[in-house]
N, C-alpha and C. Protein backbone atom coordinates (compact mmCIF):
# COMPACT_ATOMS: atom_id res chain seq x y z
N UNK A 1 44.91 34.89 22.90
CA UNK A 1 44.97 35.99 23.46
C UNK A 1 43.88 36.64 24.05
N UNK A 2 44.60 37.56 25.11
CA UNK A 2 43.36 37.99 26.03
C UNK A 2 43.05 39.54 24.75
N UNK A 3 41.50 40.03 25.58
CA UNK A 3 41.00 40.89 24.99
C UNK A 3 40.90 41.54 25.75
N UNK A 4 40.72 43.28 25.28
CA UNK A 4 41.26 44.50 26.45
C UNK A 4 39.88 44.30 27.14
N UNK A 5 39.55 44.47 28.38
CA UNK A 5 37.74 44.22 29.38
C UNK A 5 37.33 46.02 28.48
N UNK A 6 38.10 46.59 28.19
CA UNK A 6 37.12 47.88 27.64
C UNK A 6 36.46 48.14 26.58
N UNK A 7 36.73 47.12 25.38
CA UNK A 7 37.06 46.79 24.45
C UNK A 7 38.09 47.34 23.21
N UNK A 8 37.20 47.52 21.94
CA UNK A 8 37.74 47.69 20.75
C UNK A 8 38.76 48.92 20.88
N UNK A 9 39.74 48.86 20.64
CA UNK A 9 39.93 50.49 20.05
C UNK A 9 40.84 51.48 21.54
N UNK A 10 40.67 50.70 22.62
CA UNK A 10 41.49 51.13 23.84
C UNK A 10 43.20 50.47 24.10
N UNK A 11 43.77 51.18 24.81
CA UNK A 11 44.71 50.86 25.23
C UNK A 11 44.77 50.76 26.87
N UNK A 12 45.60 50.26 27.56
CA UNK A 12 45.69 49.91 28.55
C UNK A 12 47.21 50.79 29.05
N UNK A 13 47.18 51.78 30.05
CA UNK A 13 48.58 52.27 30.20
C UNK A 13 48.89 52.22 31.90
N UNK A 14 50.21 52.50 32.37
CA UNK A 14 50.24 53.00 33.55
C UNK A 14 51.12 53.84 33.39
N UNK A 15 51.22 54.28 35.10
CA UNK A 15 51.91 55.61 35.29
C UNK A 15 52.52 55.63 36.95
N UNK A 16 53.50 55.41 37.14
CA UNK A 16 54.31 55.87 38.83
C UNK A 16 53.64 57.52 39.39
N UNK A 17 53.31 57.61 40.07
CA UNK A 17 53.31 58.72 40.38
C UNK A 17 53.65 59.23 42.12
N UNK A 18 53.82 60.59 42.77
CA UNK A 18 54.25 60.69 44.12
C UNK A 18 52.93 60.10 44.19
N UNK A 19 53.08 59.58 46.17
CA UNK A 19 51.53 58.71 46.83
C UNK A 19 50.81 60.15 47.13
N UNK A 20 51.53 61.38 47.12
CA UNK A 20 50.72 62.35 47.62
C UNK A 20 49.86 62.55 46.57
N UNK A 21 50.29 62.81 45.55
CA UNK A 21 49.58 63.34 43.92
C UNK A 21 48.15 61.97 43.46
N UNK A 22 48.84 60.95 44.38
CA UNK A 22 47.49 59.56 44.39
C UNK A 22 46.78 59.59 44.66
N UNK A 23 46.78 60.04 45.84
CA UNK A 23 46.15 60.76 47.45
C UNK A 23 44.64 61.95 47.25
N UNK A 24 45.72 62.67 46.42
CA UNK A 24 44.87 63.41 45.77
C UNK A 24 43.48 62.95 44.87
N UNK A 25 44.11 62.41 43.70
CA UNK A 25 43.36 61.86 42.71
C UNK A 25 42.16 60.55 43.36
N UNK A 26 42.50 59.99 44.37
CA UNK A 26 41.66 59.11 45.15
C UNK A 26 40.56 59.77 45.56
N UNK A 27 41.14 61.48 46.10
CA UNK A 27 40.38 62.07 47.03
C UNK A 27 39.00 62.29 45.75
N UNK A 28 39.51 63.33 45.27
CA UNK A 28 38.81 63.84 43.88
C UNK A 28 37.79 63.24 43.38
N UNK A 29 38.37 61.60 43.37
CA UNK A 29 37.72 60.76 42.17
C UNK A 29 36.42 60.16 43.59
N UNK A 30 37.01 60.00 44.27
CA UNK A 30 35.55 59.77 46.00
C UNK A 30 34.54 60.74 45.53
N UNK A 31 34.75 61.71 45.48
CA UNK A 31 34.05 62.86 46.02
C UNK A 31 33.26 62.81 44.69
N UNK A 32 33.41 62.87 43.37
CA UNK A 32 32.81 62.72 42.35
C UNK A 32 31.60 61.47 42.41
N UNK A 33 32.15 60.46 43.63
CA UNK A 33 31.65 59.41 42.55
C UNK A 33 31.64 58.23 41.75
N UNK A 34 33.45 58.58 41.52
CA UNK A 34 33.48 57.48 39.95
C UNK A 34 34.59 57.12 40.33
N UNK A 35 35.03 56.39 39.31
CA UNK A 35 36.98 55.69 39.50
C UNK A 35 37.92 56.63 39.44
N UNK A 36 38.78 56.13 39.90
CA UNK A 36 40.06 56.98 39.50
C UNK A 36 40.22 57.32 38.29
N UNK A 37 40.87 56.06 37.45
CA UNK A 37 40.52 56.03 36.25
C UNK A 37 39.52 57.01 35.14
N UNK A 38 38.63 56.38 35.90
CA UNK A 38 37.78 57.32 35.20
C UNK A 38 37.83 58.67 35.36
N UNK A 39 38.69 59.45 36.43
CA UNK A 39 38.61 60.73 37.25
C UNK A 39 39.87 61.13 36.44
N UNK A 40 40.46 60.41 36.15
CA UNK A 40 42.29 60.58 34.71
C UNK A 40 41.56 60.94 33.47
N UNK A 41 40.94 59.92 33.18
CA UNK A 41 40.49 60.46 31.83
C UNK A 41 39.55 61.39 31.38
N UNK A 42 38.76 62.27 32.35
CA UNK A 42 37.99 63.62 32.40
C UNK A 42 38.78 64.21 32.10
N UNK A 43 40.18 64.36 32.78
CA UNK A 43 40.92 65.54 33.55
C UNK A 43 41.81 65.18 32.23
N UNK A 44 42.58 64.02 31.67
CA UNK A 44 42.75 64.02 30.48
C UNK A 44 42.46 65.14 29.24
N UNK A 45 40.56 64.16 29.23
CA UNK A 45 40.44 64.38 27.45
C UNK A 45 40.25 66.34 28.28
N UNK A 46 39.66 66.91 29.03
CA UNK A 46 40.06 68.41 28.96
C UNK A 46 41.11 69.23 28.67
N UNK A 47 42.07 68.56 29.37
CA UNK A 47 43.70 68.89 28.89
C UNK A 47 43.45 69.05 27.19
N UNK A 48 43.65 67.72 26.95
CA UNK A 48 43.95 67.57 25.79
C UNK A 48 42.67 68.57 24.35
N UNK A 49 41.21 68.31 25.08
CA UNK A 49 40.52 69.54 24.62
C UNK A 49 40.68 70.82 24.45
N UNK A 50 41.18 71.15 25.32
CA UNK A 50 42.12 72.90 25.20
C UNK A 50 42.89 73.21 24.40
N UNK A 51 43.79 72.59 23.65
CA UNK A 51 44.67 72.75 23.48
C UNK A 51 46.19 73.26 23.87
N UNK A 52 45.86 72.98 25.25
CA UNK A 52 46.92 74.06 25.79
C UNK A 52 48.17 72.72 25.69
N UNK A 53 49.33 73.82 25.66
CA UNK A 53 50.58 72.73 25.43
C UNK A 53 51.41 73.05 26.66
N UNK A 54 51.81 71.80 27.76
CA UNK A 54 52.37 71.81 29.03
C UNK A 54 54.01 71.65 28.34
N UNK A 55 55.02 72.74 29.77
CA UNK A 55 56.37 72.37 29.73
C UNK A 55 56.78 71.47 30.54
N UNK A 56 57.59 71.10 30.53
CA UNK A 56 57.80 69.89 31.31
C UNK A 56 58.38 70.44 32.88
N UNK A 57 58.28 72.27 33.61
CA UNK A 57 58.32 72.28 34.37
C UNK A 57 56.93 72.40 35.41
N UNK A 58 55.87 72.16 34.47
CA UNK A 58 54.39 71.94 35.08
C UNK A 58 54.56 70.18 35.81
């Protein structure tokens, strides 16, 4: 059985998004000298911590 390279208590997810959105995420991550994955985690954690709800229109 393979183990997750990040460690116990983690899960890997994948998402599909428009190319324009993906390029913007890459640009922002690059400007901060972090990986795309790390950038997405930072943004998602900030949103989760805010407690705000998102509608489908967003």
